[in-house]
């Protein structure tokens, strides 16, 4: 079965699986399957290891990540999802990956040496002044498991997101409040976001990630 274009730019599909066209053929990032088709190589995107991948399989839309776009990725960790975003924006786009953990940033740094359209920034996303040199971006993506994750996301959108830009927030309900039902927390997050930005899409990520959801916003 051939790999075909997905409805989102930079994403491809084969059966129930999704792929990105590798910018670094022959190299795995997290043990993902590589498939050659003609002179191209595609990397399978594991939705159980990526909130964005899970959201795409659940039908999330309007994510704004496509060739030529600039992305600020908050909570990049080892670079699993960042590597697929890197593929999606191609060599004409760029990804800034932010994370405060020295151990993961060491690995992410080496990944950035192999992918020239990514740069590592070791900083706390709650303090965007630490990386104020980052230019305005087309997309802010955040995957940070902290109680104040919504406030952190909005703070970064205010500072870095271009007018009409896209924000994608991965919400982990248990990091906000373990005593409340996830759906109640998601409703509160939507209300909080709607005070400042327009929520254009929302998807819960089960069965790939339990008690998680993705919000897509526009300024």
N, C-alpha and C. Protein backbone atom coordinates (compact mmCIF):
# COMPACT_ATOMS: atom_id res chain seq x y z
N UNK A 1 0.85 -1.20 0.00
CA UNK A 1 0.00 0.00 0.00
C UNK A 1 0.88 1.25 0.00
N UNK A 2 0.60 2.16 -0.91
CA UNK A 2 1.41 3.37 -1.04
C UNK A 2 1.13 4.37 0.07
N UNK A 3 2.14 5.17 0.41
CA UNK A 3 1.97 6.27 1.35
C UNK A 3 1.42 7.47 0.59
N UNK A 4 0.33 8.04 1.09
CA UNK A 4 -0.36 9.13 0.39
C UNK A 4 -0.40 10.38 1.26
N UNK A 5 -0.70 11.50 0.63
CA UNK A 5 -0.83 12.75 1.36
C UNK A 5 -2.00 12.69 2.34
N UNK A 6 -1.78 13.20 3.54
CA UNK A 6 -2.83 13.40 4.52
C UNK A 6 -3.48 14.74 4.22
N UNK A 7 -4.60 15.06 4.85
CA UNK A 7 -5.25 16.35 4.60
C UNK A 7 -4.44 17.52 5.16
N UNK A 8 -3.51 17.26 6.09
CA UNK A 8 -2.64 18.30 6.62
C UNK A 8 -1.34 18.34 5.82
N UNK A 9 -0.86 19.53 5.50
CA UNK A 9 0.39 19.65 4.76
C UNK A 9 1.56 19.09 5.58
N UNK A 10 2.41 18.32 4.92
CA UNK A 10 3.57 17.77 5.59
C UNK A 10 3.32 16.47 6.31
N UNK A 11 2.08 15.97 6.26
CA UNK A 11 1.73 14.70 6.89
C UNK A 11 1.26 13.74 5.81
N UNK A 12 1.62 12.47 5.97
CA UNK A 12 1.27 11.44 4.99
C UNK A 12 0.63 10.27 5.72
N UNK A 13 -0.05 9.41 5.00
CA UNK A 13 -0.76 8.31 5.65
C UNK A 13 -0.63 7.02 4.85
N UNK A 14 -0.71 5.93 5.58
CA UNK A 14 -0.78 4.59 5.00
C UNK A 14 -1.63 3.76 5.94
N UNK A 15 -2.81 3.38 5.51
CA UNK A 15 -3.73 2.68 6.40
C UNK A 15 -4.13 3.58 7.56
N UNK A 16 -3.94 3.08 8.77
CA UNK A 16 -4.28 3.85 9.98
C UNK A 16 -3.07 4.55 10.59
N UNK A 17 -1.95 4.56 9.87
CA UNK A 17 -0.74 5.17 10.39
C UNK A 17 -0.44 6.47 9.66
N UNK A 18 0.26 7.38 10.34
CA UNK A 18 0.69 8.62 9.72
C UNK A 18 2.22 8.69 9.70
N UNK A 19 2.73 9.51 8.77
CA UNK A 19 4.16 9.60 8.54
C UNK A 19 4.54 11.05 8.22
N UNK A 20 5.84 11.35 8.38
CA UNK A 20 6.39 12.58 7.83
C UNK A 20 7.54 12.20 6.90
N UNK A 21 7.78 13.06 5.93
CA UNK A 21 8.87 12.84 4.98
C UNK A 21 10.18 13.25 5.65
N UNK A 22 11.07 12.32 5.82
CA UNK A 22 12.28 12.54 6.61
C UNK A 22 13.22 13.55 5.97
N UNK A 23 13.66 14.52 6.78
CA UNK A 23 14.70 15.45 6.35
C UNK A 23 16.09 14.86 6.52
N UNK A 24 16.16 13.73 7.22
CA UNK A 24 17.45 13.12 7.54
C UNK A 24 17.36 11.62 7.26
N UNK A 25 17.27 11.22 6.00
CA UNK A 25 17.06 9.81 5.65
C UNK A 25 18.08 8.87 6.29
N UNK A 26 17.58 7.72 6.68
CA UNK A 26 18.44 6.70 7.27
C UNK A 26 18.62 6.83 8.76
N UNK A 27 18.06 7.90 9.36
CA UNK A 27 18.23 8.15 10.79
C UNK A 27 16.90 8.04 11.53
N UNK A 28 16.88 7.21 12.56
CA UNK A 28 15.74 7.15 13.47
C UNK A 28 15.97 8.13 14.62
N UNK A 29 14.89 8.66 15.19
CA UNK A 29 15.00 9.56 16.34
C UNK A 29 14.61 8.83 17.62
N UNK A 30 13.57 8.00 17.55
CA UNK A 30 13.09 7.31 18.75
C UNK A 30 12.69 5.85 18.46
N UNK A 31 13.36 5.27 17.48
CA UNK A 31 13.09 3.87 17.13
C UNK A 31 11.91 3.69 16.21
N UNK A 32 11.45 4.77 15.56
CA UNK A 32 10.30 4.71 14.67
C UNK A 32 10.63 3.93 13.39
N UNK A 33 9.58 3.40 12.78
CA UNK A 33 9.74 2.65 11.52
C UNK A 33 10.03 3.60 10.37
N UNK A 34 10.98 3.22 9.51
CA UNK A 34 11.30 3.99 8.32
C UNK A 34 10.83 3.21 7.09
N UNK A 35 10.19 3.91 6.17
CA UNK A 35 9.68 3.27 4.95
C UNK A 35 10.18 4.03 3.73
N UNK A 36 10.79 3.32 2.80
CA UNK A 36 11.23 3.93 1.55
C UNK A 36 10.16 3.76 0.49
N UNK A 37 9.92 4.84 -0.25
CA UNK A 37 9.00 4.80 -1.37
C UNK A 37 9.62 5.61 -2.50
N UNK A 38 10.13 4.91 -3.50
CA UNK A 38 10.90 5.58 -4.54
C UNK A 38 12.19 6.12 -3.95
N UNK A 39 12.47 7.40 -4.20
CA UNK A 39 13.68 8.01 -3.64
C UNK A 39 13.41 8.78 -2.36
N UNK A 40 12.25 8.54 -1.75
CA UNK A 40 11.88 9.23 -0.52
C UNK A 40 11.83 8.26 0.65
N UNK A 41 12.06 8.80 1.85
CA UNK A 41 11.97 7.99 3.06
C UNK A 41 11.00 8.64 4.04
N UNK A 42 10.09 7.86 4.56
CA UNK A 42 9.07 8.36 5.48
C UNK A 42 9.28 7.75 6.87
N UNK A 43 8.99 8.57 7.90
CA UNK A 43 9.12 8.14 9.30
C UNK A 43 7.72 7.97 9.90
N UNK A 44 7.45 6.80 10.43
CA UNK A 44 6.14 6.58 11.06
C UNK A 44 6.06 7.41 12.35
N UNK A 45 4.91 8.03 12.57
CA UNK A 45 4.68 8.91 13.72
C UNK A 45 3.85 8.16 14.75
N UNK A 46 4.49 7.81 15.85
CA UNK A 46 3.83 7.00 16.89
C UNK A 46 2.93 7.88 17.76
N UNK A 47 1.59 7.72 17.71
CA UNK A 47 0.69 8.58 18.47
C UNK A 47 0.74 8.35 19.98
N UNK A 48 1.34 7.24 20.39
CA UNK A 48 1.45 6.96 21.82
C UNK A 48 2.69 7.62 22.43
N UNK A 49 3.51 8.21 21.57
CA UNK A 49 4.70 8.91 22.05
C UNK A 49 4.69 10.38 21.65
N UNK A 50 3.55 10.86 21.15
CA UNK A 50 3.47 12.24 20.68
C UNK A 50 2.04 12.74 20.80
N UNK A 51 1.84 13.80 21.59
CA UNK A 51 0.49 14.37 21.72
C UNK A 51 0.01 14.94 20.39
N UNK A 52 0.90 15.56 19.64
CA UNK A 52 0.50 16.12 18.35
C UNK A 52 0.13 15.00 17.38
N UNK A 53 0.93 13.95 17.35
CA UNK A 53 0.61 12.80 16.50
C UNK A 53 -0.74 12.20 16.85
N UNK A 54 -1.02 12.09 18.16
CA UNK A 54 -2.32 11.57 18.60
C UNK A 54 -3.45 12.50 18.15
N UNK A 55 -3.21 13.81 18.28
CA UNK A 55 -4.23 14.77 17.87
C UNK A 55 -4.52 14.70 16.38
N UNK A 56 -3.49 14.51 15.57
CA UNK A 56 -3.68 14.40 14.13
C UNK A 56 -4.51 13.16 13.80
N UNK A 57 -4.22 12.04 14.45
CA UNK A 57 -5.00 10.84 14.21
C UNK A 57 -6.44 10.98 14.71
N UNK A 58 -6.66 11.83 15.70
CA UNK A 58 -8.02 12.07 16.19
C UNK A 58 -8.75 13.12 15.34
N UNK A 59 -8.07 13.71 14.36
CA UNK A 59 -8.73 14.62 13.43
C UNK A 59 -8.55 16.09 13.71
N UNK A 60 -7.53 16.46 14.50
CA UNK A 60 -7.30 17.88 14.79
C UNK A 60 -7.02 18.61 13.48
N UNK A 61 -7.42 19.88 13.41
CA UNK A 61 -7.26 20.64 12.17
C UNK A 61 -6.67 22.01 12.45
N UNK A 62 -6.36 22.74 11.39
CA UNK A 62 -5.91 24.13 11.48
C UNK A 62 -4.67 24.32 12.36
N UNK A 63 -3.76 23.35 12.34
CA UNK A 63 -2.61 23.42 13.25
C UNK A 63 -1.56 24.42 12.80
N UNK A 64 -1.59 24.82 11.55
CA UNK A 64 -0.67 25.86 11.09
C UNK A 64 0.75 25.42 10.82
N UNK A 65 1.07 24.16 11.10
CA UNK A 65 2.43 23.66 10.89
C UNK A 65 2.52 23.12 9.46
N UNK A 66 3.36 23.76 8.64
CA UNK A 66 3.49 23.39 7.23
C UNK A 66 4.81 23.93 6.71
N UNK A 67 5.19 23.55 5.50
CA UNK A 67 6.47 24.01 4.96
C UNK A 67 6.64 25.52 5.04
N UNK A 68 7.83 25.94 5.50
CA UNK A 68 8.16 27.36 5.55
C UNK A 68 7.79 28.07 6.84
N UNK A 69 7.06 27.41 7.73
CA UNK A 69 6.60 28.06 8.96
C UNK A 69 7.66 27.96 10.07
N UNK A 70 7.59 28.93 10.99
CA UNK A 70 8.48 28.94 12.15
C UNK A 70 7.67 28.56 13.39
N UNK A 71 8.22 27.64 14.18
CA UNK A 71 7.51 27.08 15.33
C UNK A 71 8.33 27.26 16.60
N UNK A 72 7.68 27.72 17.65
CA UNK A 72 8.26 27.74 19.00
C UNK A 72 7.66 26.57 19.75
N UNK A 73 8.49 25.59 20.10
CA UNK A 73 8.01 24.36 20.75
C UNK A 73 8.43 24.40 22.21
N UNK A 74 7.47 24.53 23.10
CA UNK A 74 7.72 24.61 24.54
C UNK A 74 7.53 23.24 25.17
N UNK A 75 8.61 22.73 25.77
CA UNK A 75 8.57 21.38 26.35
C UNK A 75 9.03 20.36 25.33
N UNK A 76 10.13 20.66 24.65
CA UNK A 76 10.59 19.81 23.54
C UNK A 76 11.11 18.45 24.00
N UNK A 77 11.55 18.34 25.24
CA UNK A 77 12.09 17.10 25.78
C UNK A 77 13.20 16.56 24.87
N UNK A 78 13.17 15.26 24.55
CA UNK A 78 14.24 14.67 23.76
C UNK A 78 14.09 14.95 22.26
N UNK A 79 12.94 15.48 21.86
CA UNK A 79 12.76 15.85 20.46
C UNK A 79 11.93 14.90 19.63
N UNK A 80 11.20 13.99 20.27
CA UNK A 80 10.38 13.03 19.53
C UNK A 80 9.42 13.75 18.59
N UNK A 81 8.53 14.58 19.15
CA UNK A 81 7.56 15.29 18.31
C UNK A 81 8.24 16.39 17.51
N UNK A 82 9.21 17.07 18.11
CA UNK A 82 9.93 18.13 17.41
C UNK A 82 10.52 17.64 16.10
N UNK A 83 10.99 16.41 16.07
CA UNK A 83 11.60 15.89 14.85
C UNK A 83 10.57 15.78 13.73
N UNK A 84 9.35 15.42 14.07
CA UNK A 84 8.29 15.35 13.05
C UNK A 84 7.87 16.76 12.62
N UNK A 85 7.84 17.69 13.56
CA UNK A 85 7.56 19.08 13.21
C UNK A 85 8.65 19.61 12.29
N UNK A 86 9.88 19.24 12.57
CA UNK A 86 11.02 19.60 11.73
C UNK A 86 10.81 19.10 10.30
N UNK A 87 10.36 17.86 10.17
CA UNK A 87 10.05 17.32 8.84
C UNK A 87 8.95 18.13 8.17
N UNK A 88 7.92 18.49 8.92
CA UNK A 88 6.75 19.16 8.36
C UNK A 88 7.07 20.56 7.84
N UNK A 89 7.90 21.31 8.58
CA UNK A 89 8.21 22.68 8.14
C UNK A 89 9.27 22.69 7.05
N UNK A 90 9.94 21.59 6.86
CA UNK A 90 11.00 21.37 5.86
C UNK A 90 12.18 22.32 6.10
N UNK A 91 13.11 22.30 5.20
CA UNK A 91 14.30 23.14 5.35
C UNK A 91 14.03 24.62 5.12
N UNK A 92 12.82 24.95 4.69
CA UNK A 92 12.45 26.35 4.51
C UNK A 92 11.83 26.93 5.78
N UNK A 93 11.55 26.09 6.78
CA UNK A 93 11.00 26.54 8.05
C UNK A 93 12.01 26.35 9.17
N UNK A 94 11.55 26.59 10.41
CA UNK A 94 12.48 26.48 11.54
C UNK A 94 11.70 26.16 12.82
N UNK A 95 12.37 25.43 13.74
CA UNK A 95 11.77 25.04 15.02
C UNK A 95 12.71 25.43 16.15
N UNK A 96 12.21 26.23 17.10
CA UNK A 96 12.94 26.54 18.33
C UNK A 96 12.38 25.63 19.43
N UNK A 97 13.25 24.80 20.01
CA UNK A 97 12.83 23.88 21.05
C UNK A 97 13.29 24.35 22.42
N UNK A 98 12.33 24.53 23.35
CA UNK A 98 12.63 25.04 24.70
C UNK A 98 12.36 23.96 25.74
N UNK A 99 13.32 23.77 26.63
CA UNK A 99 13.14 22.85 27.75
C UNK A 99 14.15 23.22 28.84
N UNK A 100 13.78 23.11 30.12
CA UNK A 100 14.70 23.50 31.19
C UNK A 100 15.61 22.39 31.69
N UNK A 101 15.39 21.14 31.25
CA UNK A 101 16.11 20.00 31.81
C UNK A 101 17.43 19.75 31.09
N UNK A 102 18.56 19.87 31.78
CA UNK A 102 19.87 19.68 31.13
C UNK A 102 20.02 18.32 30.47
N UNK A 103 19.52 17.26 31.09
CA UNK A 103 19.71 15.92 30.54
C UNK A 103 19.02 15.77 29.17
N UNK A 104 17.78 16.19 29.08
CA UNK A 104 17.08 16.04 27.81
C UNK A 104 17.62 17.02 26.77
N UNK A 105 18.02 18.21 27.22
CA UNK A 105 18.53 19.18 26.27
C UNK A 105 19.87 18.77 25.67
N UNK A 106 20.62 17.97 26.39
CA UNK A 106 21.86 17.45 25.81
C UNK A 106 21.54 16.58 24.60
N UNK A 107 20.58 15.68 24.75
CA UNK A 107 20.18 14.83 23.63
C UNK A 107 19.55 15.65 22.51
N UNK A 108 18.73 16.64 22.89
CA UNK A 108 18.09 17.47 21.88
C UNK A 108 19.13 18.29 21.11
N UNK A 109 20.16 18.73 21.79
CA UNK A 109 21.24 19.46 21.14
C UNK A 109 21.87 18.63 20.02
N UNK A 110 22.16 17.36 20.32
CA UNK A 110 22.77 16.50 19.31
C UNK A 110 21.81 16.24 18.15
N UNK A 111 20.51 16.15 18.46
CA UNK A 111 19.52 16.00 17.39
C UNK A 111 19.52 17.23 16.48
N UNK A 112 19.67 18.40 17.08
CA UNK A 112 19.71 19.64 16.30
C UNK A 112 20.95 19.72 15.41
N UNK A 113 22.02 19.03 15.79
CA UNK A 113 23.21 18.99 14.94
C UNK A 113 22.94 18.22 13.65
N UNK A 114 21.99 17.28 13.73
CA UNK A 114 21.64 16.49 12.56
C UNK A 114 20.53 17.15 11.74
N UNK A 115 19.76 18.02 12.38
CA UNK A 115 18.64 18.68 11.71
C UNK A 115 18.87 20.19 11.80
N UNK A 116 19.28 20.76 10.71
CA UNK A 116 19.72 22.16 10.72
C UNK A 116 18.57 23.15 10.79
N UNK A 117 17.33 22.68 10.77
CA UNK A 117 16.20 23.60 10.90
C UNK A 117 15.63 23.60 12.32
N UNK A 118 16.44 23.18 13.31
CA UNK A 118 16.03 23.21 14.71
C UNK A 118 17.14 23.82 15.55
N UNK A 119 16.75 24.50 16.64
CA UNK A 119 17.72 25.06 17.58
C UNK A 119 17.27 24.78 19.01
N UNK A 120 18.20 24.39 19.90
CA UNK A 120 17.86 24.12 21.29
C UNK A 120 17.97 25.36 22.16
N UNK A 121 17.04 25.52 23.08
CA UNK A 121 17.08 26.63 24.04
C UNK A 121 16.79 26.05 25.43
N UNK A 122 17.79 26.03 26.30
CA UNK A 122 17.56 25.54 27.65
C UNK A 122 17.05 26.69 28.50
N UNK A 123 15.76 26.67 28.79
CA UNK A 123 15.13 27.76 29.52
C UNK A 123 13.80 27.28 30.08
N UNK A 124 13.26 28.06 31.01
CA UNK A 124 11.97 27.79 31.63
C UNK A 124 10.90 28.53 30.85
N UNK A 125 9.93 27.83 30.30
CA UNK A 125 8.89 28.45 29.49
C UNK A 125 8.03 29.44 30.28
N UNK A 126 8.09 29.35 31.60
CA UNK A 126 7.36 30.32 32.43
C UNK A 126 8.07 31.67 32.48
N UNK A 127 9.27 31.71 31.90
CA UNK A 127 10.05 32.95 31.88
C UNK A 127 10.53 33.23 30.45
N UNK A 128 9.62 33.63 29.58
CA UNK A 128 10.00 33.85 28.18
C UNK A 128 11.06 34.93 27.99
N UNK A 129 11.28 35.74 29.03
CA UNK A 129 12.35 36.73 28.91
C UNK A 129 13.72 36.07 28.80
N UNK A 130 13.81 34.79 29.21
CA UNK A 130 15.07 34.06 29.11
C UNK A 130 15.44 33.75 27.67
N UNK A 131 14.48 33.78 26.77
CA UNK A 131 14.76 33.50 25.35
C UNK A 131 14.09 34.55 24.46
N UNK A 132 14.19 35.79 24.91
CA UNK A 132 13.56 36.91 24.20
C UNK A 132 14.15 37.14 22.82
N UNK A 133 15.31 36.52 22.53
CA UNK A 133 15.92 36.69 21.21
C UNK A 133 15.16 35.92 20.12
N UNK A 134 14.26 35.02 20.53
CA UNK A 134 13.46 34.29 19.54
C UNK A 134 12.55 35.28 18.80
N UNK A 135 12.51 35.21 17.48
CA UNK A 135 11.67 36.15 16.72
C UNK A 135 10.19 35.75 16.80
N UNK A 136 9.34 36.58 16.24
CA UNK A 136 7.93 36.22 16.15
C UNK A 136 7.78 34.95 15.32
N UNK A 137 6.87 34.08 15.74
CA UNK A 137 6.72 32.78 15.09
C UNK A 137 5.30 32.60 14.56
N UNK A 138 5.14 31.63 13.66
CA UNK A 138 3.83 31.32 13.09
C UNK A 138 3.01 30.42 14.01
N UNK A 139 3.72 29.57 14.78
CA UNK A 139 3.04 28.60 15.64
C UNK A 139 3.75 28.51 16.99
N UNK A 140 2.96 28.53 18.06
CA UNK A 140 3.46 28.20 19.40
C UNK A 140 2.81 26.88 19.80
N UNK A 141 3.63 25.87 20.06
CA UNK A 141 3.14 24.58 20.53
C UNK A 141 3.67 24.36 21.94
N UNK A 142 2.78 23.94 22.84
CA UNK A 142 3.21 23.72 24.22
C UNK A 142 2.77 22.37 24.75
N UNK A 143 3.72 21.64 25.30
CA UNK A 143 3.45 20.36 25.96
C UNK A 143 4.21 20.35 27.27
N UNK A 144 3.63 21.00 28.27
CA UNK A 144 4.27 21.15 29.57
C UNK A 144 3.31 20.70 30.66
N UNK A 145 3.72 19.74 31.45
CA UNK A 145 2.86 19.20 32.51
C UNK A 145 3.04 19.99 33.81
N UNK A 146 2.47 21.20 33.85
CA UNK A 146 2.53 22.03 35.04
C UNK A 146 1.13 22.54 35.37
N UNK A 147 0.92 22.87 36.63
CA UNK A 147 -0.38 23.36 37.07
C UNK A 147 -0.78 24.64 36.33
N UNK A 148 0.20 25.51 36.08
CA UNK A 148 -0.08 26.80 35.44
C UNK A 148 0.15 26.74 33.93
N UNK A 149 -0.11 25.60 33.32
CA UNK A 149 0.22 25.42 31.90
C UNK A 149 -0.55 26.37 30.99
N UNK A 150 -1.78 26.72 31.33
CA UNK A 150 -2.55 27.64 30.48
C UNK A 150 -1.95 29.04 30.53
N UNK A 151 -1.61 29.50 31.71
CA UNK A 151 -1.01 30.83 31.87
C UNK A 151 0.32 30.92 31.14
N UNK A 152 1.12 29.85 31.22
CA UNK A 152 2.42 29.82 30.54
C UNK A 152 2.22 29.91 29.03
N UNK A 153 1.25 29.17 28.54
CA UNK A 153 0.95 29.17 27.10
C UNK A 153 0.54 30.55 26.62
N UNK A 154 -0.39 31.18 27.31
CA UNK A 154 -0.86 32.50 26.90
C UNK A 154 0.25 33.55 26.97
N UNK A 155 1.09 33.44 27.98
CA UNK A 155 2.21 34.37 28.12
C UNK A 155 3.13 34.30 26.91
N UNK A 156 3.42 33.09 26.45
CA UNK A 156 4.29 32.92 25.30
C UNK A 156 3.61 33.33 24.00
N UNK A 157 2.32 33.08 23.90
CA UNK A 157 1.58 33.51 22.70
C UNK A 157 1.59 35.04 22.60
N UNK A 158 1.40 35.71 23.71
CA UNK A 158 1.41 37.17 23.70
C UNK A 158 2.74 37.70 23.20
N UNK A 159 3.82 37.07 23.63
CA UNK A 159 5.15 37.60 23.30
C UNK A 159 5.65 37.19 21.93
N UNK A 160 5.36 35.96 21.50
CA UNK A 160 6.03 35.43 20.32
C UNK A 160 5.13 35.16 19.11
N UNK A 161 3.84 35.02 19.30
CA UNK A 161 2.99 34.61 18.19
C UNK A 161 2.65 35.78 17.27
N UNK A 162 2.83 35.57 15.97
CA UNK A 162 2.50 36.59 14.99
C UNK A 162 0.98 36.84 14.96
N UNK A 163 0.55 38.01 14.52
CA UNK A 163 -0.88 38.24 14.30
C UNK A 163 -1.44 37.17 13.36
N UNK A 164 -2.58 36.62 13.71
CA UNK A 164 -3.23 35.54 12.95
C UNK A 164 -2.45 34.22 13.05
N UNK A 165 -1.49 34.16 14.00
CA UNK A 165 -0.75 32.93 14.20
C UNK A 165 -1.59 31.88 14.90
N UNK A 166 -1.01 30.67 15.00
CA UNK A 166 -1.71 29.52 15.58
C UNK A 166 -1.01 29.07 16.85
N UNK A 167 -1.80 28.76 17.88
CA UNK A 167 -1.27 28.19 19.11
C UNK A 167 -1.87 26.81 19.33
N UNK A 168 -1.06 25.87 19.77
CA UNK A 168 -1.53 24.51 20.07
C UNK A 168 -1.12 24.18 21.49
N UNK A 169 -2.09 23.92 22.32
CA UNK A 169 -1.84 23.63 23.74
C UNK A 169 -2.23 22.20 24.06
N UNK A 170 -1.27 21.43 24.54
CA UNK A 170 -1.53 20.08 25.05
C UNK A 170 -1.80 20.18 26.54
N UNK A 171 -2.98 19.77 26.96
CA UNK A 171 -3.39 19.87 28.36
C UNK A 171 -3.38 18.50 29.01
N UNK A 172 -2.65 18.39 30.11
CA UNK A 172 -2.66 17.18 30.92
C UNK A 172 -3.49 17.49 32.16
N UNK A 173 -4.69 16.92 32.22
CA UNK A 173 -5.64 17.27 33.27
C UNK A 173 -5.09 17.01 34.66
N UNK A 174 -4.41 15.90 34.85
CA UNK A 174 -3.94 15.53 36.19
C UNK A 174 -2.85 16.47 36.69
N UNK A 175 -2.19 17.18 35.80
CA UNK A 175 -1.17 18.14 36.23
C UNK A 175 -1.81 19.42 36.75
N UNK A 176 -3.06 19.67 36.35
CA UNK A 176 -3.75 20.87 36.81
C UNK A 176 -4.47 20.62 38.12
N UNK A 177 -5.20 19.50 38.20
CA UNK A 177 -5.94 19.19 39.43
C UNK A 177 -6.33 17.72 39.41
N UNK A 178 -5.75 16.94 40.33
CA UNK A 178 -6.02 15.50 40.36
C UNK A 178 -7.38 15.19 40.98
N UNK A 179 -8.02 16.16 41.60
CA UNK A 179 -9.29 15.91 42.29
C UNK A 179 -10.51 16.11 41.38
N UNK A 180 -10.31 16.71 40.21
CA UNK A 180 -11.45 17.00 39.33
C UNK A 180 -11.45 16.08 38.11
N UNK A 181 -12.63 15.87 37.56
CA UNK A 181 -12.74 15.06 36.36
C UNK A 181 -12.08 15.79 35.19
N UNK A 182 -11.35 15.05 34.33
CA UNK A 182 -10.67 15.69 33.20
C UNK A 182 -11.59 16.55 32.34
N UNK A 183 -12.80 16.09 32.06
CA UNK A 183 -13.70 16.88 31.21
C UNK A 183 -14.02 18.23 31.85
N UNK A 184 -14.16 18.26 33.18
CA UNK A 184 -14.42 19.52 33.88
C UNK A 184 -13.20 20.45 33.74
N UNK A 185 -12.01 19.90 33.84
CA UNK A 185 -10.80 20.70 33.69
C UNK A 185 -10.70 21.24 32.26
N UNK A 186 -10.99 20.40 31.27
CA UNK A 186 -10.93 20.84 29.87
C UNK A 186 -11.91 21.98 29.62
N UNK A 187 -13.09 21.90 30.20
CA UNK A 187 -14.08 22.99 30.05
C UNK A 187 -13.56 24.28 30.67
N UNK A 188 -12.89 24.16 31.82
CA UNK A 188 -12.33 25.36 32.46
C UNK A 188 -11.20 25.96 31.62
N UNK A 189 -10.39 25.10 31.01
CA UNK A 189 -9.31 25.58 30.15
C UNK A 189 -9.89 26.31 28.95
N UNK A 190 -10.91 25.74 28.33
CA UNK A 190 -11.55 26.41 27.19
C UNK A 190 -12.07 27.79 27.58
N UNK A 191 -12.70 27.88 28.74
CA UNK A 191 -13.22 29.16 29.21
C UNK A 191 -12.09 30.15 29.45
N UNK A 192 -11.00 29.68 30.05
CA UNK A 192 -9.87 30.55 30.32
C UNK A 192 -9.22 31.05 29.03
N UNK A 193 -9.06 30.16 28.05
CA UNK A 193 -8.48 30.55 26.77
C UNK A 193 -9.37 31.53 26.02
N UNK A 194 -10.68 31.28 26.06
CA UNK A 194 -11.63 32.09 25.29
C UNK A 194 -11.71 33.54 25.74
N UNK A 195 -11.21 33.83 26.94
CA UNK A 195 -11.18 35.21 27.40
C UNK A 195 -10.19 36.05 26.60
N UNK A 196 -9.21 35.38 25.98
CA UNK A 196 -8.12 36.12 25.33
C UNK A 196 -7.91 35.76 23.87
N UNK A 197 -8.22 34.51 23.50
CA UNK A 197 -7.97 34.05 22.13
C UNK A 197 -9.20 33.29 21.62
N UNK A 198 -9.18 32.95 20.34
CA UNK A 198 -10.28 32.20 19.74
C UNK A 198 -9.90 30.73 19.67
N UNK A 199 -10.69 29.87 20.31
CA UNK A 199 -10.47 28.43 20.24
C UNK A 199 -11.12 27.91 18.96
N UNK A 200 -10.31 27.34 18.04
CA UNK A 200 -10.83 26.90 16.75
C UNK A 200 -10.93 25.39 16.62
N UNK A 201 -10.30 24.66 17.52
CA UNK A 201 -10.43 23.20 17.50
C UNK A 201 -10.04 22.63 18.86
N UNK A 202 -10.52 21.41 19.11
CA UNK A 202 -10.30 20.76 20.40
C UNK A 202 -10.48 19.26 20.18
N UNK A 203 -9.53 18.48 20.68
CA UNK A 203 -9.64 17.03 20.58
C UNK A 203 -9.10 16.38 21.85
N UNK A 204 -9.88 15.47 22.43
CA UNK A 204 -9.35 14.63 23.51
C UNK A 204 -8.53 13.52 22.88
N UNK A 205 -7.47 13.08 23.55
CA UNK A 205 -6.48 12.21 22.93
C UNK A 205 -6.60 10.73 23.27
N UNK A 206 -7.61 10.34 24.06
CA UNK A 206 -7.83 8.91 24.31
C UNK A 206 -8.19 8.23 22.98
N UNK A 207 -7.75 7.01 22.74
CA UNK A 207 -7.07 6.08 23.65
C UNK A 207 -5.54 6.20 23.63
N UNK A 208 -4.99 7.13 22.85
CA UNK A 208 -3.54 7.23 22.75
C UNK A 208 -2.92 7.81 24.02
N UNK A 209 -3.54 8.85 24.55
CA UNK A 209 -3.09 9.48 25.81
C UNK A 209 -4.33 9.73 26.66
N UNK A 210 -4.39 9.12 27.83
CA UNK A 210 -5.55 9.28 28.68
C UNK A 210 -5.47 10.61 29.45
N UNK A 211 -6.63 11.24 29.63
CA UNK A 211 -6.75 12.50 30.40
C UNK A 211 -5.93 13.63 29.79
N UNK A 212 -5.76 13.60 28.47
CA UNK A 212 -5.08 14.66 27.74
C UNK A 212 -5.98 15.19 26.62
N UNK A 213 -5.78 16.44 26.26
CA UNK A 213 -6.46 16.98 25.10
C UNK A 213 -5.59 18.02 24.43
N UNK A 214 -5.94 18.37 23.20
CA UNK A 214 -5.27 19.44 22.46
C UNK A 214 -6.27 20.55 22.16
N UNK A 215 -5.85 21.78 22.39
CA UNK A 215 -6.61 22.96 21.97
C UNK A 215 -5.83 23.65 20.86
N UNK A 216 -6.52 24.11 19.83
CA UNK A 216 -5.92 24.93 18.79
C UNK A 216 -6.57 26.30 18.87
N UNK A 217 -5.72 27.35 18.95
CA UNK A 217 -6.23 28.71 19.07
C UNK A 217 -5.68 29.61 17.98
N UNK A 218 -6.39 30.69 17.73
CA UNK A 218 -5.92 31.74 16.83
C UNK A 218 -5.98 33.06 17.57
N UNK A 219 -5.03 33.93 17.28
CA UNK A 219 -5.07 35.26 17.87
C UNK A 219 -6.14 36.10 17.20
